[in-house]
Amino acid sequence: MIRAAGVAEVTDTDFETEVLGSELPVLVEFTADWCPPCRQMKPVLTALAAEEGERLKVVQLDVDTNPLTTNAYRVLSMPTFMVFRGGEPVRSMVGARPKRRLLEELTDVL
């Protein structure tokens, strides 16, 4: 998987620990190597992780290699962004978006 710098990759195996058990809110990008809009989001996620790292954990999950988590959250389109807080999904957004819009959409969960 093509990872964004400063953004951890999570898997079916460690999703519960890394995302559901996180102290911070977590933004998960459900992504795939074959998805052009996902690649487009790489610099946005890198910048978001660098700027908001103290308030928000940013991770990526490859849908092709992690079908259990992908199916559990009924992710059908890439990229799908889900925000988890206290082990629960609190926001879901589908499709690539500019950083400013993504930050606006995250305001109430941060």
C-alpha atoms as a PDB file:
ATOM      1  CA  MET A   1       0.000   0.000   0.000  1.00  0.00           C
ATOM      2  CA  ILE A   2       1.186   3.523  -0.786  1.00  0.00           C
ATOM      3  CA  ARG A   3       1.202   5.156   2.641  1.00  0.00           C
ATOM      4  CA  ALA A   4       1.080   8.824   3.419  1.00  0.00           C
ATOM      5  CA  ALA A   5       4.065  10.032   5.473  1.00  0.00           C
ATOM      6  CA  GLY A   6       3.353  10.095   9.201  1.00  0.00           C
ATOM      7  CA  VAL A   7       0.218   8.015   8.726  1.00  0.00           C
ATOM      8  CA  ALA A   8       0.209   4.522  10.232  1.00  0.00           C
ATOM      9  CA  GLU A   9      -1.266   1.520   8.457  1.00  0.00           C
ATOM     10  CA  VAL A  10      -3.778  -0.499  10.450  1.00  0.00           C
ATOM     11  CA  THR A  11      -4.996  -4.029   9.703  1.00  0.00           C
ATOM     12  CA  ASP A  12      -7.821  -6.367  10.667  1.00  0.00           C
ATOM     13  CA  THR A  13      -5.459  -7.706  13.346  1.00  0.00           C
ATOM     14  CA  ASP A  14      -4.642  -4.430  15.130  1.00  0.00           C
ATOM     15  CA  PHE A  15      -7.721  -2.306  14.282  1.00  0.00           C
ATOM     16  CA  GLU A  16      -9.274  -2.846  17.701  1.00  0.00           C
ATOM     17  CA  THR A  17      -6.109  -1.821  19.560  1.00  0.00           C
ATOM     18  CA  GLU A  18      -4.998   1.043  17.294  1.00  0.00           C
ATOM     19  CA  VAL A  19      -8.382   2.575  16.443  1.00  0.00           C
ATOM     20  CA  LEU A  20     -11.097   1.442  18.835  1.00  0.00           C
ATOM     21  CA  GLY A  21      -8.754   1.576  21.845  1.00  0.00           C
ATOM     22  CA  SER A  22      -7.178   4.939  21.011  1.00  0.00           C
ATOM     23  CA  GLU A  23      -7.260   7.772  23.536  1.00  0.00           C
ATOM     24  CA  LEU A  24      -7.440  10.297  20.685  1.00  0.00           C
ATOM     25  CA  PRO A  25     -10.140  10.485  18.012  1.00  0.00           C
ATOM     26  CA  VAL A  26      -8.951   8.497  14.968  1.00  0.00           C
ATOM     27  CA  LEU A  27      -9.465   9.331  11.293  1.00  0.00           C
ATOM     28  CA  VAL A  28      -9.339   6.109   9.270  1.00  0.00           C
ATOM     29  CA  GLU A  29      -8.941   6.258   5.511  1.00  0.00           C
ATOM     30  CA  PHE A  30     -10.243   3.068   3.903  1.00  0.00           C
ATOM     31  CA  THR A  31      -8.041   2.974   0.828  1.00  0.00           C
ATOM     32  CA  ALA A  32      -6.710   0.827  -2.024  1.00  0.00           C
ATOM     33  CA  ASP A  33      -3.633   0.985  -4.255  1.00  0.00           C
ATOM     34  CA  TRP A  34      -5.775   0.886  -7.411  1.00  0.00           C
ATOM     35  CA  CYS A  35      -7.811   3.948  -6.364  1.00  0.00           C
ATOM     36  CA  PRO A  36      -6.667   7.261  -7.966  1.00  0.00           C
ATOM     37  CA  PRO A  37      -8.659   9.510  -5.553  1.00  0.00           C
ATOM     38  CA  CYS A  38      -6.986   7.642  -2.665  1.00  0.00           C
ATOM     39  CA  ARG A  39      -3.549   8.505  -4.049  1.00  0.00           C
ATOM     40  CA  GLN A  40      -4.741  12.092  -4.430  1.00  0.00           C
ATOM     41  CA  MET A  41      -5.441  12.178  -0.658  1.00  0.00           C
ATOM     42  CA  LYS A  42      -1.877  11.190   0.312  1.00  0.00           C
ATOM     43  CA  PRO A  43      -0.471  14.754   0.697  1.00  0.00           C
ATOM     44  CA  VAL A  44      -3.673  15.878   2.454  1.00  0.00           C
ATOM     45  CA  LEU A  45      -3.408  13.083   5.044  1.00  0.00           C
ATOM     46  CA  THR A  46       0.324  13.694   5.499  1.00  0.00           C
ATOM     47  CA  ALA A  47      -0.339  17.384   6.230  1.00  0.00           C
ATOM     48  CA  LEU A  48      -3.304  16.588   8.492  1.00  0.00           C
ATOM     49  CA  ALA A  49      -1.256  14.073  10.515  1.00  0.00           C
ATOM     50  CA  ALA A  50       1.559  16.615  10.915  1.00  0.00           C
ATOM     51  CA  GLU A  51      -0.705  19.522  11.893  1.00  0.00           C
ATOM     52  CA  GLU A  52      -3.305  17.757  14.032  1.00  0.00           C
ATOM     53  CA  GLY A  53      -1.212  14.892  15.438  1.00  0.00           C
ATOM     54  CA  GLU A  54      -1.726  15.955  19.041  1.00  0.00           C
ATOM     55  CA  ARG A  55      -5.515  16.028  18.722  1.00  0.00           C
ATOM     56  CA  LEU A  56      -6.161  13.403  16.043  1.00  0.00           C
ATOM     57  CA  LYS A  57      -4.623  10.083  15.056  1.00  0.00           C
ATOM     58  CA  VAL A  58      -4.620   9.525  11.272  1.00  0.00           C
ATOM     59  CA  VAL A  59      -4.391   5.952   9.917  1.00  0.00           C
ATOM     60  CA  GLN A  60      -4.972   4.078   6.664  1.00  0.00           C
ATOM     61  CA  LEU A  61      -6.535   0.655   6.130  1.00  0.00           C
ATOM     62  CA  ASP A  62      -6.060  -1.243   2.850  1.00  0.00           C
ATOM     63  CA  VAL A  63      -9.484  -2.629   1.924  1.00  0.00           C
ATOM     64  CA  ASP A  64      -8.032  -5.379  -0.280  1.00  0.00           C
ATOM     65  CA  THR A  65      -5.953  -6.960   2.479  1.00  0.00           C
ATOM     66  CA  ASN A  66      -8.332  -6.252   5.384  1.00  0.00           C
ATOM     67  CA  PRO A  67     -11.792  -7.523   4.377  1.00  0.00           C
ATOM     68  CA  LEU A  68     -13.050  -8.132   7.941  1.00  0.00           C
ATOM     69  CA  THR A  69     -12.854  -4.495   9.042  1.00  0.00           C
ATOM     70  CA  THR A  70     -13.944  -3.222   5.619  1.00  0.00           C
ATOM     71  CA  ASN A  71     -17.075  -5.409   5.692  1.00  0.00           C
ATOM     72  CA  ALA A  72     -17.776  -4.760   9.382  1.00  0.00           C
ATOM     73  CA  TYR A  73     -18.163  -1.037   8.646  1.00  0.00           C
ATOM     74  CA  ARG A  74     -19.908  -1.617   5.276  1.00  0.00           C
ATOM     75  CA  VAL A  75     -17.311   0.324   3.306  1.00  0.00           C
ATOM     76  CA  LEU A  76     -18.200   0.169  -0.395  1.00  0.00           C
ATOM     77  CA  SER A  77     -16.442   3.172  -1.954  1.00  0.00           C
ATOM     78  CA  MET A  78     -12.852   4.360  -1.807  1.00  0.00           C
ATOM     79  CA  PRO A  79     -11.711   6.489  -0.240  1.00  0.00           C
ATOM     80  CA  THR A  80     -14.046   6.348   2.744  1.00  0.00           C
ATOM     81  CA  PHE A  81     -13.043   8.333   5.805  1.00  0.00           C
ATOM     82  CA  MET A  82     -14.399   7.353   9.200  1.00  0.00           C
ATOM     83  CA  VAL A  83     -13.797   9.115  12.468  1.00  0.00           C
ATOM     84  CA  PHE A  84     -13.804   6.935  15.566  1.00  0.00           C
ATOM     85  CA  ARG A  85     -14.050   8.343  19.069  1.00  0.00           C
ATOM     86  CA  GLY A  86     -14.258   6.183  22.177  1.00  0.00           C
ATOM     87  CA  GLY A  87     -14.360   3.056  20.028  1.00  0.00           C
ATOM     88  CA  GLU A  88     -17.402   4.175  18.026  1.00  0.00           C
ATOM     89  CA  PRO A  89     -17.674   5.547  14.480  1.00  0.00           C
ATOM     90  CA  VAL A  90     -18.970   9.112  14.828  1.00  0.00           C
ATOM     91  CA  ARG A  91     -18.593  10.433  11.270  1.00  0.00           C
ATOM     92  CA  SER A  92     -18.286   8.962   7.796  1.00  0.00           C
ATOM     93  CA  MET A  93     -17.340  10.741   4.557  1.00  0.00           C
ATOM     94  CA  VAL A  94     -16.894   9.286   1.087  1.00  0.00           C
ATOM     95  CA  GLY A  95     -14.624  10.611  -1.656  1.00  0.00           C
ATOM     96  CA  ALA A  96     -11.499  12.716  -2.003  1.00  0.00           C
ATOM     97  CA  ARG A  97     -11.675  16.255  -0.687  1.00  0.00           C
ATOM     98  CA  PRO A  98      -9.330  19.213  -0.207  1.00  0.00           C
ATOM     99  CA  LYS A  99      -7.655  19.589   3.190  1.00  0.00           C
ATOM    100  CA  ARG A 100      -9.654  22.688   4.111  1.00  0.00           C
ATOM    101  CA  ARG A 101     -12.960  20.881   3.575  1.00  0.00           C
ATOM    102  CA  LEU A 102     -11.750  17.804   5.449  1.00  0.00           C
ATOM    103  CA  LEU A 103     -10.710  19.983   8.409  1.00  0.00           C
ATOM    104  CA  GLU A 104     -14.117  21.720   8.396  1.00  0.00           C
ATOM    105  CA  GLU A 105     -15.847  18.332   8.472  1.00  0.00           C
ATOM    106  CA  LEU A 106     -13.667  17.234  11.405  1.00  0.00           C
ATOM    107  CA  THR A 107     -14.185  20.395  13.490  1.00  0.00           C
ATOM    108  CA  ASP A 108     -17.008  19.021  15.629  1.00  0.00           C
ATOM    109  CA  VAL A 109     -15.244  15.737  16.372  1.00  0.00           C
ATOM    110  CA  LEU A 110     -11.896  17.204  17.414  1.00  0.00           C
END
